[in-house]
């Protein structure tokens, strides 16, 4: 079930692992201010 690199992490040449909040790490990547059902939020989930 985890053999899809789009859904699960399969990084090679791994150098580091970091624990952080996505919102803190990438605060300017979300389409803030739009309604939760806006298509841009679905696109953001795919982009993420």
ModelCIF file with pLDDT and N, C-alpha, C, O atoms, coordinates in Angstrom:
data_MODEL
#
_entry.id   MODEL 
#
_entity.id                         1 
_entity.type                       polymer 
_entity.pdbx_number_of_molecules   1 
#
_entity_poly.entity_id                      1 
_entity_poly.type                           'polypeptide(L)' 
_entity_poly.nstd_linkage                   no 
_entity_poly.nstd_monomer                   no 
_entity_poly.pdbx_seq_one_letter_code       
;(UNK)(UNK)(UNK)(UNK)(UNK)(UNK)(UNK)(UNK)(UNK)(UNK)(UNK)(UNK)(UNK)(UNK)(UNK)(UNK)
(UNK)(UNK)(UNK)(UNK)(UNK)(UNK)(UNK)(UNK)(UNK)(UNK)(UNK)(UNK)(UNK)(UNK)(UNK)(UNK)
(UNK)(UNK)(UNK)(UNK)(UNK)(UNK)(UNK)(UNK)(UNK)(UNK)(UNK)(UNK)(UNK)(UNK)(UNK)(UNK)
;
_entity_poly.pdbx_seq_one_letter_code_can   XXXXXXXXXXXXXXXXXXXXXXXXXXXXXXXXXXXXXXXXXXXXXXXX 
_entity_poly.pdbx_strand_id                 A 
#
loop_
_entity_poly_seq.entity_id 
_entity_poly_seq.num 
_entity_poly_seq.mon_id 
_entity_poly_seq.hetero 
1 1  UNK n 
1 2  UNK n 
1 3  UNK n 
1 4  UNK n 
1 5  UNK n 
1 6  UNK n 
1 7  UNK n 
1 8  UNK n 
1 9  UNK n 
1 10 UNK n 
1 11 UNK n 
1 12 UNK n 
1 13 UNK n 
1 14 UNK n 
1 15 UNK n 
1 16 UNK n 
1 17 UNK n 
1 18 UNK n 
1 19 UNK n 
1 20 UNK n 
1 21 UNK n 
1 22 UNK n 
1 23 UNK n 
1 24 UNK n 
1 25 UNK n 
1 26 UNK n 
1 27 UNK n 
1 28 UNK n 
1 29 UNK n 
1 30 UNK n 
1 31 UNK n 
1 32 UNK n 
1 33 UNK n 
1 34 UNK n 
1 35 UNK n 
1 36 UNK n 
1 37 UNK n 
1 38 UNK n 
1 39 UNK n 
1 40 UNK n 
1 41 UNK n 
1 42 UNK n 
1 43 UNK n 
1 44 UNK n 
1 45 UNK n 
1 46 UNK n 
1 47 UNK n 
1 48 UNK n 
#
_struct_asym.id          A 
_struct_asym.entity_id   1 
#
loop_
_ma_qa_metric.id 
_ma_qa_metric.mode 
_ma_qa_metric.name 
_ma_qa_metric.software_group_id 
_ma_qa_metric.type 
1 global pLDDT . pLDDT 
2 local  pLDDT . pLDDT 
#
_ma_qa_metric_global.metric_id      1 
_ma_qa_metric_global.metric_value   93.00 
_ma_qa_metric_global.model_id       1 
_ma_qa_metric_global.ordinal_id     1 
#
loop_
_ma_qa_metric_local.label_asym_id 
_ma_qa_metric_local.label_comp_id 
_ma_qa_metric_local.label_seq_id 
_ma_qa_metric_local.metric_id 
_ma_qa_metric_local.metric_value 
_ma_qa_metric_local.model_id 
_ma_qa_metric_local.ordinal_id 
A UNK 1  2 87.00 1 1  
A UNK 2  2 89.00 1 2  
A UNK 3  2 90.00 1 3  
A UNK 4  2 86.00 1 4  
A UNK 5  2 88.00 1 5  
A UNK 6  2 83.00 1 6  
A UNK 7  2 86.00 1 7  
A UNK 8  2 91.00 1 8  
A UNK 9  2 94.00 1 9  
A UNK 10 2 95.00 1 10 
A UNK 11 2 95.00 1 11 
A UNK 12 2 96.00 1 12 
A UNK 13 2 96.00 1 13 
A UNK 14 2 97.00 1 14 
A UNK 15 2 96.00 1 15 
A UNK 16 2 96.00 1 16 
A UNK 17 2 96.00 1 17 
A UNK 18 2 95.00 1 18 
A UNK 19 2 93.00 1 19 
A UNK 20 2 91.00 1 20 
A UNK 21 2 87.00 1 21 
A UNK 22 2 89.00 1 22 
A UNK 23 2 88.00 1 23 
A UNK 24 2 87.00 1 24 
A UNK 25 2 87.00 1 25 
A UNK 26 2 92.00 1 26 
A UNK 27 2 93.00 1 27 
A UNK 28 2 96.00 1 28 
A UNK 29 2 96.00 1 29 
A UNK 30 2 95.00 1 30 
A UNK 31 2 96.00 1 31 
A UNK 32 2 95.00 1 32 
A UNK 33 2 96.00 1 33 
A UNK 34 2 96.00 1 34 
A UNK 35 2 96.00 1 35 
A UNK 36 2 94.00 1 36 
A UNK 37 2 96.00 1 37 
A UNK 38 2 97.00 1 38 
A UNK 39 2 97.00 1 39 
A UNK 40 2 97.00 1 40 
A UNK 41 2 96.00 1 41 
A UNK 42 2 96.00 1 42 
A UNK 43 2 96.00 1 43 
A UNK 44 2 95.00 1 44 
A UNK 45 2 92.00 1 45 
A UNK 46 2 93.00 1 46 
A UNK 47 2 95.00 1 47 
A UNK 48 2 91.00 1 48 
#
loop_
_atom_site.group_PDB 
_atom_site.id 
_atom_site.type_symbol 
_atom_site.label_atom_id 
_atom_site.label_alt_id 
_atom_site.label_comp_id 
_atom_site.label_asym_id 
_atom_site.label_entity_id 
_atom_site.label_seq_id 
_atom_site.pdbx_PDB_ins_code 
_atom_site.Cartn_x 
_atom_site.Cartn_y 
_atom_site.Cartn_z 
_atom_site.occupancy 
_atom_site.B_iso_or_equiv 
_atom_site.pdbx_formal_charge 
_atom_site.auth_seq_id 
_atom_site.auth_comp_id 
_atom_site.auth_asym_id 
_atom_site.auth_atom_id 
_atom_site.pdbx_PDB_model_num 
ATOM 1   N N  . UNK A 1 1  ? 0.815   -1.217 0.000  1.00 87.00 ? 1  UNK A N  1 
ATOM 2   C CA . UNK A 1 1  ? 0.000   0.000  0.000  1.00 87.00 ? 1  UNK A CA 1 
ATOM 3   C C  . UNK A 1 1  ? 0.847   1.264  0.000  1.00 87.00 ? 1  UNK A C  1 
ATOM 4   O O  . UNK A 1 1  ? 0.360   2.341  -0.345 1.00 87.00 ? 1  UNK A O  1 
ATOM 5   N N  . UNK A 1 2  ? 2.115   1.135  0.387  1.00 89.00 ? 2  UNK A N  1 
ATOM 6   C CA . UNK A 1 2  ? 3.002   2.303  0.479  1.00 89.00 ? 2  UNK A CA 1 
ATOM 7   C C  . UNK A 1 2  ? 3.949   2.415  -0.709 1.00 89.00 ? 2  UNK A C  1 
ATOM 8   O O  . UNK A 1 2  ? 4.913   3.179  -0.650 1.00 89.00 ? 2  UNK A O  1 
ATOM 9   N N  . UNK A 1 3  ? 3.703   1.681  -1.771 1.00 90.00 ? 3  UNK A N  1 
ATOM 10  C CA . UNK A 1 3  ? 4.629   1.657  -2.901 1.00 90.00 ? 3  UNK A CA 1 
ATOM 11  C C  . UNK A 1 3  ? 4.412   2.788  -3.901 1.00 90.00 ? 3  UNK A C  1 
ATOM 12  O O  . UNK A 1 3  ? 4.898   2.719  -5.030 1.00 90.00 ? 3  UNK A O  1 
ATOM 13  N N  . UNK A 1 4  ? 3.694   3.817  -3.499 1.00 86.00 ? 4  UNK A N  1 
ATOM 14  C CA . UNK A 1 4  ? 3.457   4.978  -4.354 1.00 86.00 ? 4  UNK A CA 1 
ATOM 15  C C  . UNK A 1 4  ? 4.283   6.150  -3.823 1.00 86.00 ? 4  UNK A C  1 
ATOM 16  O O  . UNK A 1 4  ? 3.946   6.703  -2.777 1.00 86.00 ? 4  UNK A O  1 
ATOM 17  N N  . UNK A 1 5  ? 5.360   6.543  -4.517 1.00 88.00 ? 5  UNK A N  1 
ATOM 18  C CA . UNK A 1 5  ? 6.203   7.654  -4.031 1.00 88.00 ? 5  UNK A CA 1 
ATOM 19  C C  . UNK A 1 5  ? 5.489   8.993  -3.996 1.00 88.00 ? 5  UNK A C  1 
ATOM 20  O O  . UNK A 1 5  ? 5.984   9.942  -3.386 1.00 88.00 ? 5  UNK A O  1 
ATOM 21  N N  . UNK A 1 6  ? 4.314   9.087  -4.650 1.00 83.00 ? 6  UNK A N  1 
ATOM 22  C CA . UNK A 1 6  ? 3.558   10.325 -4.570 1.00 83.00 ? 6  UNK A CA 1 
ATOM 23  C C  . UNK A 1 6  ? 2.898   10.468 -3.197 1.00 83.00 ? 6  UNK A C  1 
ATOM 24  O O  . UNK A 1 6  ? 2.692   11.584 -2.720 1.00 83.00 ? 6  UNK A O  1 
ATOM 25  N N  . UNK A 1 7  ? 2.570   9.349  -2.566 1.00 86.00 ? 7  UNK A N  1 
ATOM 26  C CA . UNK A 1 7  ? 1.841   9.372  -1.305 1.00 86.00 ? 7  UNK A CA 1 
ATOM 27  C C  . UNK A 1 7  ? 2.731   9.107  -0.105 1.00 86.00 ? 7  UNK A C  1 
ATOM 28  O O  . UNK A 1 7  ? 2.442   9.580  0.994  1.00 86.00 ? 7  UNK A O  1 
ATOM 29  N N  . UNK A 1 8  ? 3.805   8.362  -0.295 1.00 91.00 ? 8  UNK A N  1 
ATOM 30  C CA . UNK A 1 8  ? 4.712   8.009  0.794  1.00 91.00 ? 8  UNK A CA 1 
ATOM 31  C C  . UNK A 1 8  ? 6.118   8.508  0.468  1.00 91.00 ? 8  UNK A C  1 
ATOM 32  O O  . UNK A 1 8  ? 6.488   8.588  -0.703 1.00 91.00 ? 8  UNK A O  1 
ATOM 33  N N  . UNK A 1 9  ? 6.896   8.841  1.481  1.00 94.00 ? 9  UNK A N  1 
ATOM 34  C CA . UNK A 1 9  ? 8.268   9.319  1.212  1.00 94.00 ? 9  UNK A CA 1 
ATOM 35  C C  . UNK A 1 9  ? 9.184   8.162  0.808  1.00 94.00 ? 9  UNK A C  1 
ATOM 36  O O  . UNK A 1 9  ? 9.317   7.176  1.533  1.00 94.00 ? 9  UNK A O  1 
ATOM 37  N N  . UNK A 1 10 ? 9.817   8.301  -0.370 1.00 95.00 ? 10 UNK A N  1 
ATOM 38  C CA . UNK A 1 10 ? 10.824  7.361  -0.867 1.00 95.00 ? 10 UNK A CA 1 
ATOM 39  C C  . UNK A 1 10 ? 12.085  8.137  -1.246 1.00 95.00 ? 10 UNK A C  1 
ATOM 40  O O  . UNK A 1 10 ? 12.606  7.919  -2.340 1.00 95.00 ? 10 UNK A O  1 
ATOM 41  N N  . UNK A 1 11 ? 12.595  9.017  -0.415 1.00 95.00 ? 11 UNK A N  1 
ATOM 42  C CA . UNK A 1 11 ? 13.769  9.804  -0.810 1.00 95.00 ? 11 UNK A CA 1 
ATOM 43  C C  . UNK A 1 11 ? 15.041  8.971  -0.804 1.00 95.00 ? 11 UNK A C  1 
ATOM 44  O O  . UNK A 1 11 ? 15.300  8.226  0.141  1.00 95.00 ? 11 UNK A O  1 
ATOM 45  N N  . UNK A 1 12 ? 15.823  9.099  -1.849 1.00 96.00 ? 12 UNK A N  1 
ATOM 46  C CA . UNK A 1 12 ? 17.167  8.532  -1.845 1.00 96.00 ? 12 UNK A CA 1 
ATOM 47  C C  . UNK A 1 12 ? 18.165  9.680  -1.711 1.00 96.00 ? 12 UNK A C  1 
ATOM 48  O O  . UNK A 1 12 ? 17.785  10.850 -1.764 1.00 96.00 ? 12 UNK A O  1 
ATOM 49  N N  . UNK A 1 13 ? 19.451  9.338  -1.536 1.00 96.00 ? 13 UNK A N  1 
ATOM 50  C CA . UNK A 1 13 ? 20.481  10.323 -1.187 1.00 96.00 ? 13 UNK A CA 1 
ATOM 51  C C  . UNK A 1 13 ? 20.064  11.121 0.049  1.00 96.00 ? 13 UNK A C  1 
ATOM 52  O O  . UNK A 1 13 ? 20.309  12.324 0.138  1.00 96.00 ? 13 UNK A O  1 
ATOM 53  N N  . UNK A 1 14 ? 19.433  10.435 0.997  1.00 97.00 ? 14 UNK A N  1 
ATOM 54  C CA . UNK A 1 14 ? 18.928  11.099 2.201  1.00 97.00 ? 14 UNK A CA 1 
ATOM 55  C C  . UNK A 1 14 ? 20.076  11.671 3.022  1.00 97.00 ? 14 UNK A C  1 
ATOM 56  O O  . UNK A 1 14 ? 21.045  10.976 3.327  1.00 97.00 ? 14 UNK A O  1 
ATOM 57  N N  . UNK A 1 15 ? 19.954  12.950 3.376  1.00 96.00 ? 15 UNK A N  1 
ATOM 58  C CA . UNK A 1 15 ? 20.994  13.635 4.156  1.00 96.00 ? 15 UNK A CA 1 
ATOM 59  C C  . UNK A 1 15 ? 20.509  14.064 5.526  1.00 96.00 ? 15 UNK A C  1 
ATOM 60  O O  . UNK A 1 15 ? 21.293  14.111 6.474  1.00 96.00 ? 15 UNK A O  1 
ATOM 61  N N  . UNK A 1 16 ? 19.201  14.384 5.645  1.00 96.00 ? 16 UNK A N  1 
ATOM 62  C CA . UNK A 1 16 ? 18.707  14.851 6.942  1.00 96.00 ? 16 UNK A CA 1 
ATOM 63  C C  . UNK A 1 16 ? 17.220  14.579 7.061  1.00 96.00 ? 16 UNK A C  1 
ATOM 64  O O  . UNK A 1 16 ? 16.510  14.420 6.068  1.00 96.00 ? 16 UNK A O  1 
ATOM 65  N N  . UNK A 1 17 ? 16.764  14.530 8.323  1.00 96.00 ? 17 UNK A N  1 
ATOM 66  C CA . UNK A 1 17 ? 15.350  14.397 8.646  1.00 96.00 ? 17 UNK A CA 1 
ATOM 67  C C  . UNK A 1 17 ? 15.029  15.477 9.671  1.00 96.00 ? 17 UNK A C  1 
ATOM 68  O O  . UNK A 1 17 ? 15.728  15.620 10.675 1.00 96.00 ? 17 UNK A O  1 
ATOM 69  N N  . UNK A 1 18 ? 13.969  16.236 9.413  1.00 95.00 ? 18 UNK A N  1 
ATOM 70  C CA . UNK A 1 18 ? 13.597  17.326 10.314 1.00 95.00 ? 18 UNK A CA 1 
ATOM 71  C C  . UNK A 1 18 ? 12.156  17.168 10.777 1.00 95.00 ? 18 UNK A C  1 
ATOM 72  O O  . UNK A 1 18 ? 11.274  16.861 9.976  1.00 95.00 ? 18 UNK A O  1 
ATOM 73  N N  . UNK A 1 19 ? 11.915  17.377 12.066 1.00 93.00 ? 19 UNK A N  1 
ATOM 74  C CA . UNK A 1 19 ? 10.556  17.483 12.603 1.00 93.00 ? 19 UNK A CA 1 
ATOM 75  C C  . UNK A 1 19 ? 10.204  18.961 12.693 1.00 93.00 ? 19 UNK A C  1 
ATOM 76  O O  . UNK A 1 19 ? 10.914  19.741 13.328 1.00 93.00 ? 19 UNK A O  1 
ATOM 77  N N  . UNK A 1 20 ? 9.108   19.336 12.055 1.00 91.00 ? 20 UNK A N  1 
ATOM 78  C CA . UNK A 1 20 ? 8.672   20.737 12.080 1.00 91.00 ? 20 UNK A CA 1 
ATOM 79  C C  . UNK A 1 20 ? 7.209   20.795 11.673 1.00 91.00 ? 20 UNK A C  1 
ATOM 80  O O  . UNK A 1 20 ? 6.682   19.855 11.079 1.00 91.00 ? 20 UNK A O  1 
ATOM 81  N N  . UNK A 1 21 ? 6.575   21.872 11.987 1.00 87.00 ? 21 UNK A N  1 
ATOM 82  C CA . UNK A 1 21 ? 5.226   22.124 11.501 1.00 87.00 ? 21 UNK A CA 1 
ATOM 83  C C  . UNK A 1 21 ? 5.303   22.590 10.056 1.00 87.00 ? 21 UNK A C  1 
ATOM 84  O O  . UNK A 1 21 ? 6.096   23.472 9.727  1.00 87.00 ? 21 UNK A O  1 
ATOM 85  N N  . UNK A 1 22 ? 4.486   22.005 9.198  1.00 89.00 ? 22 UNK A N  1 
ATOM 86  C CA . UNK A 1 22 ? 4.477   22.440 7.801  1.00 89.00 ? 22 UNK A CA 1 
ATOM 87  C C  . UNK A 1 22 ? 4.138   23.932 7.711  1.00 89.00 ? 22 UNK A C  1 
ATOM 88  O O  . UNK A 1 22 ? 4.756   24.676 6.949  1.00 89.00 ? 22 UNK A O  1 
ATOM 89  N N  . UNK A 1 23 ? 3.160   24.348 8.493  1.00 88.00 ? 23 UNK A N  1 
ATOM 90  C CA . UNK A 1 23 ? 2.744   25.748 8.438  1.00 88.00 ? 23 UNK A CA 1 
ATOM 91  C C  . UNK A 1 23 ? 3.859   26.683 8.887  1.00 88.00 ? 23 UNK A C  1 
ATOM 92  O O  . UNK A 1 23 ? 3.962   27.808 8.398  1.00 88.00 ? 23 UNK A O  1 
ATOM 93  N N  . UNK A 1 24 ? 4.695   26.221 9.820  1.00 87.00 ? 24 UNK A N  1 
ATOM 94  C CA . UNK A 1 24 ? 5.820   27.034 10.282 1.00 87.00 ? 24 UNK A CA 1 
ATOM 95  C C  . UNK A 1 24 ? 6.976   26.975 9.288  1.00 87.00 ? 24 UNK A C  1 
ATOM 96  O O  . UNK A 1 24 ? 7.639   27.979 9.025  1.00 87.00 ? 24 UNK A O  1 
ATOM 97  N N  . UNK A 1 25 ? 7.202   25.794 8.746  1.00 87.00 ? 25 UNK A N  1 
ATOM 98  C CA . UNK A 1 25 ? 8.336   25.609 7.817  1.00 87.00 ? 25 UNK A CA 1 
ATOM 99  C C  . UNK A 1 25 ? 8.093   26.310 6.494  1.00 87.00 ? 25 UNK A C  1 
ATOM 100 O O  . UNK A 1 25 ? 9.007   26.913 5.932  1.00 87.00 ? 25 UNK A O  1 
ATOM 101 N N  . UNK A 1 26 ? 6.856   26.236 5.987  1.00 92.00 ? 26 UNK A N  1 
ATOM 102 C CA . UNK A 1 26 ? 6.501   26.835 4.692  1.00 92.00 ? 26 UNK A CA 1 
ATOM 103 C C  . UNK A 1 26 ? 5.283   27.749 4.864  1.00 92.00 ? 26 UNK A C  1 
ATOM 104 O O  . UNK A 1 26 ? 4.219   27.448 4.322  1.00 92.00 ? 26 UNK A O  1 
ATOM 105 N N  . UNK A 1 27 ? 5.410   28.852 5.601  1.00 93.00 ? 27 UNK A N  1 
ATOM 106 C CA . UNK A 1 27 ? 4.240   29.667 5.943  1.00 93.00 ? 27 UNK A CA 1 
ATOM 107 C C  . UNK A 1 27 ? 3.630   30.425 4.775  1.00 93.00 ? 27 UNK A C  1 
ATOM 108 O O  . UNK A 1 27 ? 2.487   30.872 4.867  1.00 93.00 ? 27 UNK A O  1 
ATOM 109 N N  . UNK A 1 28 ? 4.366   30.580 3.675  1.00 96.00 ? 28 UNK A N  1 
ATOM 110 C CA . UNK A 1 28 ? 3.867   31.400 2.573  1.00 96.00 ? 28 UNK A CA 1 
ATOM 111 C C  . UNK A 1 28 ? 3.465   30.566 1.356  1.00 96.00 ? 28 UNK A C  1 
ATOM 112 O O  . UNK A 1 28 ? 3.469   31.062 0.230  1.00 96.00 ? 28 UNK A O  1 
ATOM 113 N N  . UNK A 1 29 ? 3.119   29.298 1.586  1.00 96.00 ? 29 UNK A N  1 
ATOM 114 C CA . UNK A 1 29 ? 2.716   28.434 0.475  1.00 96.00 ? 29 UNK A CA 1 
ATOM 115 C C  . UNK A 1 29 ? 1.224   28.151 0.444  1.00 96.00 ? 29 UNK A C  1 
ATOM 116 O O  . UNK A 1 29 ? 0.734   27.565 -0.521 1.00 96.00 ? 29 UNK A O  1 
ATOM 117 N N  . UNK A 1 30 ? 0.485   28.552 1.477  1.00 95.00 ? 30 UNK A N  1 
ATOM 118 C CA . UNK A 1 30 ? -0.945  28.259 1.553  1.00 95.00 ? 30 UNK A CA 1 
ATOM 119 C C  . UNK A 1 30 ? -1.764  29.421 1.000  1.00 95.00 ? 30 UNK A C  1 
ATOM 120 O O  . UNK A 1 30 ? -1.381  30.580 1.163  1.00 95.00 ? 30 UNK A O  1 
ATOM 121 N N  . UNK A 1 31 ? -2.890  29.122 0.348  1.00 96.00 ? 31 UNK A N  1 
ATOM 122 C CA . UNK A 1 31 ? -3.756  30.186 -0.194 1.00 96.00 ? 31 UNK A CA 1 
ATOM 123 C C  . UNK A 1 31 ? -4.627  30.784 0.899  1.00 96.00 ? 31 UNK A C  1 
ATOM 124 O O  . UNK A 1 31 ? -5.850  30.641 0.876  1.00 96.00 ? 31 UNK A O  1 
ATOM 125 N N  . UNK A 1 32 ? -3.995  31.453 1.853  1.00 95.00 ? 32 UNK A N  1 
ATOM 126 C CA . UNK A 1 32 ? -4.681  31.979 3.030  1.00 95.00 ? 32 UNK A CA 1 
ATOM 127 C C  . UNK A 1 32 ? -5.789  32.948 2.628  1.00 95.00 ? 32 UNK A C  1 
ATOM 128 O O  . UNK A 1 32 ? -5.668  33.695 1.657  1.00 95.00 ? 32 UNK A O  1 
ATOM 129 N N  . UNK A 1 33 ? -6.871  32.914 3.403  1.00 96.00 ? 33 UNK A N  1 
ATOM 130 C CA . UNK A 1 33 ? -7.967  33.851 3.194  1.00 96.00 ? 33 UNK A CA 1 
ATOM 131 C C  . UNK A 1 33 ? -9.086  33.335 2.325  1.00 96.00 ? 33 UNK A C  1 
ATOM 132 O O  . UNK A 1 33 ? -10.144 33.959 2.247  1.00 96.00 ? 33 UNK A O  1 
ATOM 133 N N  . UNK A 1 34 ? -8.877  32.199 1.664  1.00 96.00 ? 34 UNK A N  1 
ATOM 134 C CA . UNK A 1 34 ? -9.922  31.628 0.820  1.00 96.00 ? 34 UNK A CA 1 
ATOM 135 C C  . UNK A 1 34 ? -10.815 30.701 1.643  1.00 96.00 ? 34 UNK A C  1 
ATOM 136 O O  . UNK A 1 34 ? -10.359 30.129 2.633  1.00 96.00 ? 34 UNK A O  1 
ATOM 137 N N  . UNK A 1 35 ? -12.088 30.545 1.246  1.00 96.00 ? 35 UNK A N  1 
ATOM 138 C CA . UNK A 1 35 ? -12.961 29.586 1.936  1.00 96.00 ? 35 UNK A CA 1 
ATOM 139 C C  . UNK A 1 35 ? -12.374 28.172 1.873  1.00 96.00 ? 35 UNK A C  1 
ATOM 140 O O  . UNK A 1 35 ? -11.681 27.826 0.916  1.00 96.00 ? 35 UNK A O  1 
ATOM 141 N N  . UNK A 1 36 ? -12.649 27.367 2.883  1.00 94.00 ? 36 UNK A N  1 
ATOM 142 C CA . UNK A 1 36 ? -12.059 26.032 2.968  1.00 94.00 ? 36 UNK A CA 1 
ATOM 143 C C  . UNK A 1 36 ? -12.462 25.131 1.812  1.00 94.00 ? 36 UNK A C  1 
ATOM 144 O O  . UNK A 1 36 ? -11.766 24.160 1.515  1.00 94.00 ? 36 UNK A O  1 
ATOM 145 N N  . UNK A 1 37 ? -13.583 25.439 1.150  1.00 96.00 ? 37 UNK A N  1 
ATOM 146 C CA . UNK A 1 37 ? -14.023 24.610 0.027  1.00 96.00 ? 37 UNK A CA 1 
ATOM 147 C C  . UNK A 1 37 ? -13.586 25.173 -1.323 1.00 96.00 ? 37 UNK A C  1 
ATOM 148 O O  . UNK A 1 37 ? -14.025 24.686 -2.364 1.00 96.00 ? 37 UNK A O  1 
ATOM 149 N N  . UNK A 1 38 ? -12.729 26.188 -1.319 1.00 97.00 ? 38 UNK A N  1 
ATOM 150 C CA . UNK A 1 38 ? -12.241 26.760 -2.577 1.00 97.00 ? 38 UNK A CA 1 
ATOM 151 C C  . UNK A 1 38 ? -11.358 25.755 -3.312 1.00 97.00 ? 38 UNK A C  1 
ATOM 152 O O  . UNK A 1 38 ? -10.592 25.037 -2.669 1.00 97.00 ? 38 UNK A O  1 
ATOM 153 N N  . UNK A 1 39 ? -11.443 25.683 -4.642 1.00 97.00 ? 39 UNK A N  1 
ATOM 154 C CA . UNK A 1 39 ? -10.610 24.744 -5.403 1.00 97.00 ? 39 UNK A CA 1 
ATOM 155 C C  . UNK A 1 39 ? -9.116  24.908 -5.140 1.00 97.00 ? 39 UNK A C  1 
ATOM 156 O O  . UNK A 1 39 ? -8.362  23.941 -5.241 1.00 97.00 ? 39 UNK A O  1 
ATOM 157 N N  . UNK A 1 40 ? -8.680  26.123 -4.804 1.00 97.00 ? 40 UNK A N  1 
ATOM 158 C CA . UNK A 1 40 ? -7.253  26.351 -4.565 1.00 97.00 ? 40 UNK A CA 1 
ATOM 159 C C  . UNK A 1 40 ? -6.747  25.531 -3.382 1.00 97.00 ? 40 UNK A C  1 
ATOM 160 O O  . UNK A 1 40 ? -5.586  25.124 -3.373 1.00 97.00 ? 40 UNK A O  1 
ATOM 161 N N  . UNK A 1 41 ? -7.594  25.282 -2.387 1.00 96.00 ? 41 UNK A N  1 
ATOM 162 C CA . UNK A 1 41 ? -7.157  24.469 -1.249 1.00 96.00 ? 41 UNK A CA 1 
ATOM 163 C C  . UNK A 1 41 ? -6.943  23.016 -1.664 1.00 96.00 ? 41 UNK A C  1 
ATOM 164 O O  . UNK A 1 41 ? -6.012  22.365 -1.190 1.00 96.00 ? 41 UNK A O  1 
ATOM 165 N N  . UNK A 1 42 ? -7.792  22.512 -2.538 1.00 96.00 ? 42 UNK A N  1 
ATOM 166 C CA . UNK A 1 42 ? -7.582  21.156 -3.062 1.00 96.00 ? 42 UNK A CA 1 
ATOM 167 C C  . UNK A 1 42 ? -6.291  21.112 -3.868 1.00 96.00 ? 42 UNK A C  1 
ATOM 168 O O  . UNK A 1 42 ? -5.540  20.139 -3.801 1.00 96.00 ? 42 UNK A O  1 
ATOM 169 N N  . UNK A 1 43 ? -6.040  22.172 -4.628 1.00 96.00 ? 43 UNK A N  1 
ATOM 170 C CA . UNK A 1 43 ? -4.787  22.238 -5.383 1.00 96.00 ? 43 UNK A CA 1 
ATOM 171 C C  . UNK A 1 43 ? -3.578  22.335 -4.488 1.00 96.00 ? 43 UNK A C  1 
ATOM 172 O O  . UNK A 1 43 ? -2.529  21.762 -4.783 1.00 96.00 ? 43 UNK A O  1 
ATOM 173 N N  . UNK A 1 44 ? -3.723  23.070 -3.380 1.00 95.00 ? 44 UNK A N  1 
ATOM 174 C CA . UNK A 1 44 ? -2.634  23.172 -2.409 1.00 95.00 ? 44 UNK A CA 1 
ATOM 175 C C  . UNK A 1 44 ? -2.298  21.799 -1.832 1.00 95.00 ? 44 UNK A C  1 
ATOM 176 O O  . UNK A 1 44 ? -1.124  21.465 -1.677 1.00 95.00 ? 44 UNK A O  1 
ATOM 177 N N  . UNK A 1 45 ? -3.324  20.997 -1.511 1.00 92.00 ? 45 UNK A N  1 
ATOM 178 C CA . UNK A 1 45 ? -3.091  19.653 -0.963 1.00 92.00 ? 45 UNK A CA 1 
ATOM 179 C C  . UNK A 1 45 ? -2.323  18.791 -1.965 1.00 92.00 ? 45 UNK A C  1 
ATOM 180 O O  . UNK A 1 45 ? -1.442  18.023 -1.579 1.00 92.00 ? 45 UNK A O  1 
ATOM 181 N N  . UNK A 1 46 ? -2.655  18.918 -3.247 1.00 93.00 ? 46 UNK A N  1 
ATOM 182 C CA . UNK A 1 46 ? -1.938  18.151 -4.285 1.00 93.00 ? 46 UNK A CA 1 
ATOM 183 C C  . UNK A 1 46 ? -0.514  18.661 -4.417 1.00 93.00 ? 46 UNK A C  1 
ATOM 184 O O  . UNK A 1 46 ? 0.425   17.870 -4.501 1.00 93.00 ? 46 UNK A O  1 
ATOM 185 N N  . UNK A 1 47 ? -0.345  19.984 -4.437 1.00 95.00 ? 47 UNK A N  1 
ATOM 186 C CA . UNK A 1 47 ? 0.994   20.551 -4.565 1.00 95.00 ? 47 UNK A CA 1 
ATOM 187 C C  . UNK A 1 47 ? 1.860   20.135 -3.386 1.00 95.00 ? 47 UNK A C  1 
ATOM 188 O O  . UNK A 1 47 ? 3.032   19.800 -3.562 1.00 95.00 ? 47 UNK A O  1 
ATOM 189 N N  . UNK A 1 48 ? 1.296   20.154 -2.196 1.00 91.00 ? 48 UNK A N  1 
ATOM 190 C CA . UNK A 1 48 ? 2.029   19.772 -0.992 1.00 91.00 ? 48 UNK A CA 1 
ATOM 191 C C  . UNK A 1 48 ? 2.481   18.308 -1.060 1.00 91.00 ? 48 UNK A C  1 
ATOM 192 O O  . UNK A 1 48 ? 3.115   17.814 -0.128 1.00 91.00 ? 48 UNK A O  1 
#
